Amino acid sequence: LFRSAGKDELCKKYKKISVERNENACSCYNYSLALKGKDEIAWLRKALSYDPTYTSALINLGRILSIQKNPEGAELLRKAYDLLNLKFGSSTVFL
């Protein structure tokens, strides 16, 4: 809500409050979205330490590491693909 209103710093502030109140995979991932560089990577890794199957964190961290030519990036993206394929690949298509 704050971000769509152009209030990036306020958005970052409330994401930080959220992660301080209840640190879990989701709050760590959300906070990582307000960061850049090493801090973003650290919080994505922290999100995955809580839930190694958190696909949003796998995709974002995989993308960042792939851009940096780190082979771990491709592994994380493959893991996310496999998890999503397992969940949705064999299910009925919704129209």
N, C-alpha and C. Protein backbone atom coordinates (compact mmCIF):
# COMPACT_ATOMS: atom_id res chain seq x y z
N LEU A 1 0.82 -1.19 0.00
CA LEU A 1 0.00 0.00 0.00
C LEU A 1 0.87 1.26 0.00
N PHE A 2 1.85 1.32 0.92
CA PHE A 2 2.72 2.50 0.96
C PHE A 2 3.56 2.61 -0.30
N ARG A 3 4.03 1.46 -0.77
CA ARG A 3 4.90 1.47 -1.95
C ARG A 3 4.16 2.00 -3.17
N SER A 4 2.91 1.59 -3.35
CA SER A 4 2.15 2.06 -4.49
C SER A 4 1.84 3.55 -4.40
N ALA A 5 1.93 4.10 -3.20
CA ALA A 5 1.71 5.52 -3.00
C ALA A 5 3.02 6.31 -3.07
N GLY A 6 4.11 5.63 -3.42
CA GLY A 6 5.40 6.30 -3.52
C GLY A 6 6.08 6.53 -2.18
N LYS A 7 5.70 5.81 -1.18
CA LYS A 7 6.24 5.96 0.17
C LYS A 7 7.20 4.81 0.48
N ASP A 8 8.27 4.70 -0.29
CA ASP A 8 9.19 3.58 -0.18
C ASP A 8 9.83 3.46 1.20
N GLU A 9 10.22 4.57 1.79
CA GLU A 9 10.87 4.52 3.11
C GLU A 9 9.89 4.07 4.18
N LEU A 10 8.64 4.50 4.09
CA LEU A 10 7.63 4.06 5.04
C LEU A 10 7.35 2.58 4.87
N CYS A 11 7.33 2.13 3.64
CA CYS A 11 7.14 0.72 3.33
C CYS A 11 8.27 -0.09 3.96
N LYS A 12 9.49 0.34 3.78
CA LYS A 12 10.66 -0.35 4.34
C LYS A 12 10.58 -0.38 5.87
N LYS A 13 10.15 0.72 6.47
CA LYS A 13 10.03 0.81 7.92
C LYS A 13 9.07 -0.24 8.46
N TYR A 14 7.91 -0.38 7.84
CA TYR A 14 6.91 -1.32 8.33
C TYR A 14 7.29 -2.77 8.03
N LYS A 15 8.03 -3.00 6.97
CA LYS A 15 8.54 -4.36 6.72
C LYS A 15 9.55 -4.74 7.80
N LYS A 16 10.37 -3.78 8.22
CA LYS A 16 11.34 -4.03 9.29
C LYS A 16 10.62 -4.30 10.61
N ILE A 17 9.59 -3.53 10.90
CA ILE A 17 8.81 -3.76 12.12
C ILE A 17 8.20 -5.15 12.10
N SER A 18 7.68 -5.54 10.96
CA SER A 18 7.06 -6.86 10.82
C SER A 18 8.06 -7.98 11.10
N VAL A 19 9.25 -7.87 10.53
CA VAL A 19 10.25 -8.91 10.72
C VAL A 19 10.75 -8.93 12.17
N GLU A 20 10.77 -7.78 12.82
CA GLU A 20 11.19 -7.73 14.23
C GLU A 20 10.14 -8.36 15.14
N ARG A 21 8.87 -8.18 14.80
CA ARG A 21 7.79 -8.74 15.62
C ARG A 21 7.63 -10.24 15.45
N ASN A 22 7.79 -10.71 14.22
CA ASN A 22 7.57 -12.13 13.95
C ASN A 22 8.46 -12.55 12.79
N GLU A 23 9.68 -12.92 13.13
CA GLU A 23 10.62 -13.31 12.09
C GLU A 23 10.30 -14.72 11.60
N ASN A 24 9.96 -14.82 10.34
CA ASN A 24 9.67 -16.10 9.70
C ASN A 24 10.02 -15.97 8.22
N ALA A 25 9.79 -17.02 7.46
CA ALA A 25 10.15 -17.01 6.04
C ALA A 25 9.48 -15.86 5.30
N CYS A 26 8.21 -15.66 5.55
CA CYS A 26 7.46 -14.62 4.84
C CYS A 26 7.94 -13.21 5.21
N SER A 27 8.10 -12.94 6.48
CA SER A 27 8.52 -11.59 6.88
C SER A 27 9.95 -11.30 6.43
N CYS A 28 10.82 -12.30 6.46
CA CYS A 28 12.19 -12.11 5.97
C CYS A 28 12.19 -11.84 4.47
N TYR A 29 11.38 -12.59 3.74
CA TYR A 29 11.28 -12.39 2.29
C TYR A 29 10.76 -10.98 1.99
N ASN A 30 9.68 -10.59 2.65
CA ASN A 30 9.10 -9.26 2.42
C ASN A 30 10.10 -8.16 2.72
N TYR A 31 10.85 -8.31 3.79
CA TYR A 31 11.85 -7.30 4.13
C TYR A 31 12.95 -7.25 3.08
N SER A 32 13.32 -8.40 2.54
CA SER A 32 14.37 -8.44 1.51
C SER A 32 13.98 -7.62 0.29
N LEU A 33 12.69 -7.50 0.02
CA LEU A 33 12.23 -6.75 -1.15
C LEU A 33 12.52 -5.25 -1.02
N ALA A 34 12.74 -4.79 0.20
CA ALA A 34 13.04 -3.37 0.42
C ALA A 34 14.54 -3.10 0.41
N LEU A 35 15.35 -4.14 0.21
CA LEU A 35 16.80 -4.01 0.30
C LEU A 35 17.47 -4.26 -1.05
N LYS A 36 18.75 -4.01 -1.09
CA LYS A 36 19.55 -4.25 -2.29
C LYS A 36 20.88 -4.87 -1.88
N GLY A 37 21.54 -5.50 -2.82
CA GLY A 37 22.89 -6.01 -2.62
C GLY A 37 22.99 -7.13 -1.60
N LYS A 38 24.06 -7.08 -0.81
CA LYS A 38 24.35 -8.13 0.16
C LYS A 38 23.25 -8.27 1.20
N ASP A 39 22.64 -7.16 1.60
CA ASP A 39 21.56 -7.23 2.58
C ASP A 39 20.37 -8.00 2.03
N GLU A 40 20.02 -7.75 0.78
CA GLU A 40 18.91 -8.47 0.16
C GLU A 40 19.20 -9.97 0.12
N ILE A 41 20.40 -10.33 -0.28
CA ILE A 41 20.79 -11.73 -0.35
C ILE A 41 20.74 -12.37 1.04
N ALA A 42 21.24 -11.66 2.04
CA ALA A 42 21.26 -12.20 3.40
C ALA A 42 19.85 -12.49 3.91
N TRP A 43 18.91 -11.57 3.65
CA TRP A 43 17.54 -11.77 4.13
C TRP A 43 16.82 -12.84 3.32
N LEU A 44 17.14 -12.99 2.04
CA LEU A 44 16.57 -14.10 1.27
C LEU A 44 17.08 -15.44 1.81
N ARG A 45 18.36 -15.50 2.13
CA ARG A 45 18.91 -16.72 2.72
C ARG A 45 18.26 -17.02 4.07
N LYS A 46 18.02 -15.96 4.84
CA LYS A 46 17.37 -16.15 6.13
C LYS A 46 15.95 -16.68 5.94
N ALA A 47 15.23 -16.16 4.95
CA ALA A 47 13.88 -16.67 4.65
C ALA A 47 13.95 -18.16 4.33
N LEU A 48 14.94 -18.54 3.53
CA LEU A 48 15.08 -19.96 3.17
C LEU A 48 15.54 -20.82 4.34
N SER A 49 16.18 -20.22 5.32
CA SER A 49 16.57 -21.00 6.51
C SER A 49 15.33 -21.38 7.31
N TYR A 50 14.30 -20.56 7.26
CA TYR A 50 13.03 -20.88 7.92
C TYR A 50 12.21 -21.87 7.11
N ASP A 51 12.23 -21.72 5.79
CA ASP A 51 11.47 -22.60 4.91
C ASP A 51 12.21 -22.76 3.59
N PRO A 52 12.95 -23.87 3.44
CA PRO A 52 13.73 -24.07 2.22
C PRO A 52 12.89 -24.31 0.97
N THR A 53 11.58 -24.40 1.13
CA THR A 53 10.69 -24.59 -0.02
C THR A 53 9.91 -23.32 -0.36
N TYR A 54 10.29 -22.19 0.21
CA TYR A 54 9.60 -20.92 -0.03
C TYR A 54 9.96 -20.45 -1.44
N THR A 55 9.08 -20.71 -2.39
CA THR A 55 9.42 -20.53 -3.80
C THR A 55 9.73 -19.08 -4.18
N SER A 56 9.07 -18.12 -3.59
CA SER A 56 9.35 -16.72 -3.91
C SER A 56 10.80 -16.37 -3.57
N ALA A 57 11.26 -16.82 -2.41
CA ALA A 57 12.64 -16.57 -2.00
C ALA A 57 13.62 -17.34 -2.89
N LEU A 58 13.26 -18.58 -3.24
CA LEU A 58 14.11 -19.36 -4.14
C LEU A 58 14.28 -18.66 -5.49
N ILE A 59 13.18 -18.18 -6.02
CA ILE A 59 13.22 -17.52 -7.33
C ILE A 59 14.03 -16.22 -7.27
N ASN A 60 13.76 -15.39 -6.28
CA ASN A 60 14.49 -14.11 -6.20
C ASN A 60 15.98 -14.31 -5.96
N LEU A 61 16.32 -15.19 -5.01
CA LEU A 61 17.74 -15.43 -4.74
C LEU A 61 18.39 -16.11 -5.95
N GLY A 62 17.70 -17.04 -6.56
CA GLY A 62 18.22 -17.70 -7.75
C GLY A 62 18.48 -16.73 -8.88
N ARG A 63 17.58 -15.80 -9.07
CA ARG A 63 17.72 -14.78 -10.12
C ARG A 63 18.94 -13.90 -9.85
N ILE A 64 19.06 -13.43 -8.62
CA ILE A 64 20.19 -12.55 -8.26
C ILE A 64 21.51 -13.28 -8.45
N LEU A 65 21.61 -14.50 -7.94
CA LEU A 65 22.86 -15.25 -8.05
C LEU A 65 23.17 -15.62 -9.50
N SER A 66 22.15 -15.91 -10.29
CA SER A 66 22.37 -16.22 -11.71
C SER A 66 22.93 -15.01 -12.45
N ILE A 67 22.43 -13.83 -12.14
CA ILE A 67 22.95 -12.60 -12.75
C ILE A 67 24.42 -12.42 -12.38
N GLN A 68 24.78 -12.82 -11.16
CA GLN A 68 26.17 -12.72 -10.69
C GLN A 68 27.03 -13.89 -11.20
N LYS A 69 26.45 -14.74 -12.03
CA LYS A 69 27.17 -15.91 -12.60
C LYS A 69 27.55 -16.93 -11.53
N ASN A 70 26.80 -16.95 -10.43
CA ASN A 70 27.02 -17.91 -9.36
C ASN A 70 26.20 -19.17 -9.70
N PRO A 71 26.84 -20.34 -9.80
CA PRO A 71 26.13 -21.56 -10.18
C PRO A 71 25.01 -21.95 -9.22
N GLU A 72 25.07 -21.48 -7.98
CA GLU A 72 24.01 -21.77 -7.02
C GLU A 72 22.68 -21.19 -7.51
N GLY A 73 22.73 -20.10 -8.27
CA GLY A 73 21.51 -19.48 -8.77
C GLY A 73 20.67 -20.43 -9.60
N ALA A 74 21.33 -21.13 -10.52
CA ALA A 74 20.61 -22.10 -11.37
C ALA A 74 20.03 -23.23 -10.54
N GLU A 75 20.74 -23.65 -9.51
CA GLU A 75 20.24 -24.71 -8.63
C GLU A 75 18.98 -24.27 -7.90
N LEU A 76 18.99 -23.04 -7.40
CA LEU A 76 17.82 -22.53 -6.69
C LEU A 76 16.62 -22.37 -7.62
N LEU A 77 16.88 -21.88 -8.82
CA LEU A 77 15.80 -21.74 -9.80
C LEU A 77 15.23 -23.10 -10.19
N ARG A 78 16.09 -24.09 -10.33
CA ARG A 78 15.64 -25.45 -10.64
C ARG A 78 14.79 -26.01 -9.50
N LYS A 79 15.22 -25.76 -8.27
CA LYS A 79 14.45 -26.23 -7.11
C LYS A 79 13.07 -25.59 -7.09
N ALA A 80 13.01 -24.29 -7.35
CA ALA A 80 11.72 -23.59 -7.39
C ALA A 80 10.84 -24.17 -8.49
N TYR A 81 11.43 -24.40 -9.66
CA TYR A 81 10.69 -24.98 -10.78
C TYR A 81 10.14 -26.35 -10.40
N ASP A 82 10.98 -27.18 -9.81
CA ASP A 82 10.55 -28.53 -9.43
C ASP A 82 9.41 -28.48 -8.41
N LEU A 83 9.52 -27.61 -7.43
CA LEU A 83 8.46 -27.48 -6.42
C LEU A 83 7.15 -27.01 -7.05
N LEU A 84 7.23 -26.01 -7.91
CA LEU A 84 6.01 -25.50 -8.55
C LEU A 84 5.44 -26.51 -9.54
N ASN A 85 6.30 -27.22 -10.23
CA ASN A 85 5.83 -28.24 -11.16
C ASN A 85 5.14 -29.38 -10.41
N LEU A 86 5.68 -29.74 -9.26
CA LEU A 86 5.08 -30.78 -8.44
C LEU A 86 3.69 -30.34 -7.96
N LYS A 87 3.61 -29.07 -7.58
CA LYS A 87 2.35 -28.56 -7.04
C LYS A 87 1.31 -28.32 -8.13
N PHE A 88 1.72 -27.78 -9.27
CA PHE A 88 0.76 -27.37 -10.30
C PHE A 88 0.86 -28.15 -11.61
N GLY A 89 1.98 -28.81 -11.84
CA GLY A 89 2.22 -29.46 -13.13
C GLY A 89 1.22 -30.52 -13.50
N SER A 90 0.80 -31.32 -12.54
CA SER A 90 -0.10 -32.41 -12.85
C SER A 90 -1.55 -32.10 -12.51
N SER A 91 -1.81 -30.89 -12.04
CA SER A 91 -3.18 -30.56 -11.65
C SER A 91 -4.00 -30.11 -12.86
N THR A 92 -5.28 -30.04 -12.67
CA THR A 92 -6.20 -29.62 -13.72
C THR A 92 -5.99 -28.15 -14.02
N VAL A 93 -6.07 -27.80 -15.27
CA VAL A 93 -5.94 -26.41 -15.69
C VAL A 93 -7.24 -25.69 -15.36
N PHE A 94 -7.12 -24.54 -14.71
CA PHE A 94 -8.30 -23.75 -14.36
C PHE A 94 -8.53 -22.69 -15.42
N LEU A 95 -9.73 -22.61 -15.89
CA LEU A 95 -10.06 -21.60 -16.92
C LEU A 95 -10.85 -20.49 -16.33
